[in-house]
Amino acid sequence: MRELRAYEEANAARPEYLKMYDNRIAKVQAGPAK
C-alpha cells in the first residue's frame, strides 16, 4: 500500500488518491475493529 502511495505521489500526485491511501494505511495500522 505504501509503495502504491509513493508511486502516486511521484507521478500523478492526485490529492484524492493520496488521501485514500493515507486513510487505508491508517485503517490497516489500527488493526481489526472491535
PDB file of N, CA and C in Angstrom:
ATOM      1  N   MET A   1       0.832  -1.185   0.000  1.00  0.00           N
ATOM      2  CA  MET A   1       0.000   0.000   0.000  1.00  0.00           C
ATOM      3  C   MET A   1       0.882   1.256   0.000  1.00  0.00           C
ATOM      4  N   ARG A   2       1.934   1.229   0.815  1.00  0.00           N
ATOM      5  CA  ARG A   2       2.835   2.389   0.872  1.00  0.00           C
ATOM      6  C   ARG A   2       3.544   2.599  -0.460  1.00  0.00           C
ATOM      7  N   GLU A   3       3.867   1.499  -1.137  1.00  0.00           N
ATOM      8  CA  GLU A   3       4.524   1.615  -2.443  1.00  0.00           C
ATOM      9  C   GLU A   3       3.581   2.241  -3.467  1.00  0.00           C
ATOM     10  N   LEU A   4       2.312   1.869  -3.412  1.00  0.00           N
ATOM     11  CA  LEU A   4       1.329   2.468  -4.321  1.00  0.00           C
ATOM     12  C   LEU A   4       1.195   3.962  -4.064  1.00  0.00           C
ATOM     13  N   ARG A   5       1.177   4.330  -2.773  1.00  0.00           N
ATOM     14  CA  ARG A   5       1.068   5.751  -2.426  1.00  0.00           C
ATOM     15  C   ARG A   5       2.298   6.517  -2.912  1.00  0.00           C
ATOM     16  N   ALA A   6       3.473   5.946  -2.712  1.00  0.00           N
ATOM     17  CA  ALA A   6       4.708   6.601  -3.147  1.00  0.00           C
ATOM     18  C   ALA A   6       4.723   6.767  -4.666  1.00  0.00           C
ATOM     19  N   TYR A   7       4.252   5.757  -5.379  1.00  0.00           N
ATOM     20  CA  TYR A   7       4.187   5.845  -6.837  1.00  0.00           C
ATOM     21  C   TYR A   7       3.242   6.963  -7.260  1.00  0.00           C
ATOM     22  N   GLU A   8       2.086   7.013  -6.632  1.00  0.00           N
ATOM     23  CA  GLU A   8       1.101   8.050  -6.952  1.00  0.00           C
ATOM     24  C   GLU A   8       1.677   9.438  -6.679  1.00  0.00           C
ATOM     25  N   GLU A   9       2.343   9.585  -5.543  1.00  0.00           N
ATOM     26  CA  GLU A   9       2.907  10.880  -5.178  1.00  0.00           C
ATOM     27  C   GLU A   9       4.001  11.307  -6.161  1.00  0.00           C
ATOM     28  N   ALA A  10       4.786  10.357  -6.623  1.00  0.00           N
ATOM     29  CA  ALA A  10       5.887  10.660  -7.540  1.00  0.00           C
ATOM     30  C   ALA A  10       5.401  10.919  -8.964  1.00  0.00           C
ATOM     31  N   ASN A  11       4.236  10.443  -9.302  1.00  0.00           N
ATOM     32  CA  ASN A  11       3.764  10.565 -10.678  1.00  0.00           C
ATOM     33  C   ASN A  11       2.598  11.539 -10.794  1.00  0.00           C
ATOM     34  N   ALA A  12       1.392  11.040 -10.654  1.00  0.00           N
ATOM     35  CA  ALA A  12       0.216  11.882 -10.872  1.00  0.00           C
ATOM     36  C   ALA A  12      -0.065  12.813  -9.688  1.00  0.00           C
ATOM     37  N   ALA A  13       0.239  12.351  -8.472  1.00  0.00           N
ATOM     38  CA  ALA A  13       0.022  13.127  -7.242  1.00  0.00           C
ATOM     39  C   ALA A  13      -1.397  13.680  -7.140  1.00  0.00           C
ATOM     40  N   ARG A  14      -2.381  12.826  -7.429  1.00  0.00           N
ATOM     41  CA  ARG A  14      -3.779  13.235  -7.310  1.00  0.00           C
ATOM     42  C   ARG A  14      -4.170  13.236  -5.840  1.00  0.00           C
ATOM     43  N   PRO A  15      -4.565  14.398  -5.317  1.00  0.00           N
ATOM     44  CA  PRO A  15      -4.855  14.513  -3.875  1.00  0.00           C
ATOM     45  C   PRO A  15      -5.882  13.507  -3.369  1.00  0.00           C
ATOM     46  N   GLU A  16      -6.914  13.235  -4.158  1.00  0.00           N
ATOM     47  CA  GLU A  16      -7.941  12.307  -3.690  1.00  0.00           C
ATOM     48  C   GLU A  16      -7.389  10.888  -3.544  1.00  0.00           C
ATOM     49  N   TYR A  17      -6.446  10.501  -4.386  1.00  0.00           N
ATOM     50  CA  TYR A  17      -5.843   9.174  -4.283  1.00  0.00           C
ATOM     51  C   TYR A  17      -4.862   9.110  -3.118  1.00  0.00           C
ATOM     52  N   LEU A  18      -4.094  10.178  -2.918  1.00  0.00           N
ATOM     53  CA  LEU A  18      -3.167  10.210  -1.786  1.00  0.00           C
ATOM     54  C   LEU A  18      -3.942  10.102  -0.474  1.00  0.00           C
ATOM     55  N   LYS A  19      -5.052  10.807  -0.379  1.00  0.00           N
ATOM     56  CA  LYS A  19      -5.880  10.746   0.834  1.00  0.00           C
ATOM     57  C   LYS A  19      -6.455   9.348   1.017  1.00  0.00           C
ATOM     58  N   MET A  20      -6.889   8.727  -0.063  1.00  0.00           N
ATOM     59  CA  MET A  20      -7.432   7.370   0.009  1.00  0.00           C
ATOM     60  C   MET A  20      -6.374   6.406   0.553  1.00  0.00           C
ATOM     61  N   TYR A  21      -5.148   6.497   0.035  1.00  0.00           N
ATOM     62  CA  TYR A  21      -4.074   5.625   0.511  1.00  0.00           C
ATOM     63  C   TYR A  21      -3.748   5.918   1.974  1.00  0.00           C
ATOM     64  N   ASP A  22      -3.692   7.193   2.338  1.00  0.00           N
ATOM     65  CA  ASP A  22      -3.412   7.554   3.729  1.00  0.00           C
ATOM     66  C   ASP A  22      -4.455   6.952   4.663  1.00  0.00           C
ATOM     67  N   ASN A  23      -5.720   7.075   4.291  1.00  0.00           N
ATOM     68  CA  ASN A  23      -6.813   6.530   5.110  1.00  0.00           C
ATOM     69  C   ASN A  23      -6.715   5.017   5.222  1.00  0.00           C
ATOM     70  N   ARG A  24      -6.416   4.358   4.119  1.00  0.00           N
ATOM     71  CA  ARG A  24      -6.326   2.888   4.105  1.00  0.00           C
ATOM     72  C   ARG A  24      -5.148   2.420   4.966  1.00  0.00           C
ATOM     73  N   ILE A  25      -4.006   3.095   4.852  1.00  0.00           N
ATOM     74  CA  ILE A  25      -2.836   2.741   5.653  1.00  0.00           C
ATOM     75  C   ILE A  25      -3.150   2.901   7.135  1.00  0.00           C
ATOM     76  N   ALA A  26      -3.798   4.006   7.501  1.00  0.00           N
ATOM     77  CA  ALA A  26      -4.151   4.243   8.896  1.00  0.00           C
ATOM     78  C   ALA A  26      -5.102   3.168   9.407  1.00  0.00           C
ATOM     79  N   LYS A  27      -6.038   2.764   8.588  1.00  0.00           N
ATOM     80  CA  LYS A  27      -7.008   1.740   8.985  1.00  0.00           C
ATOM     81  C   LYS A  27      -6.315   0.400   9.223  1.00  0.00           C
ATOM     82  N   VAL A  28      -5.392   0.050   8.358  1.00  0.00           N
ATOM     83  CA  VAL A  28      -4.665  -1.223   8.497  1.00  0.00           C
ATOM     84  C   VAL A  28      -3.778  -1.199   9.741  1.00  0.00           C
ATOM     85  N   GLN A  29      -3.135  -0.054  10.002  1.00  0.00           N
ATOM     86  CA  GLN A  29      -2.278   0.055  11.170  1.00  0.00           C
ATOM     87  C   GLN A  29      -3.081  -0.021  12.471  1.00  0.00           C
ATOM     88  N   ALA A  30      -4.309   0.444  12.434  1.00  0.00           N
ATOM     89  CA  ALA A  30      -5.154   0.434  13.627  1.00  0.00           C
ATOM     90  C   ALA A  30      -5.534  -0.982  14.045  1.00  0.00           C
ATOM     91  N   GLY A  31      -5.515  -1.894  13.115  1.00  0.00           N
ATOM     92  CA  GLY A  31      -5.848  -3.279  13.419  1.00  0.00           C
ATOM     93  C   GLY A  31      -7.338  -3.548  13.270  1.00  0.00           C
ATOM     94  N   PRO A  32      -7.761  -4.741  13.633  1.00  0.00           N
ATOM     95  CA  PRO A  32      -9.174  -5.114  13.473  1.00  0.00           C
ATOM     96  C   PRO A  32     -10.080  -4.290  14.386  1.00  0.00           C
ATOM     97  N   ALA A  33     -11.238  -3.985  13.866  1.00  0.00           N
ATOM     98  CA  ALA A  33     -12.242  -3.248  14.651  1.00  0.00           C
ATOM     99  C   ALA A  33     -12.829  -4.161  15.701  1.00  0.00           C
ATOM    100  N   LYS A  34     -13.134  -3.605  16.856  1.00  0.00           N
ATOM    101  CA  LYS A  34     -13.707  -4.423  17.932  1.00  0.00           C
ATOM    102  C   LYS A  34     -15.096  -4.002  18.254  1.00  0.00           C
TER     103      LYS A  34
END
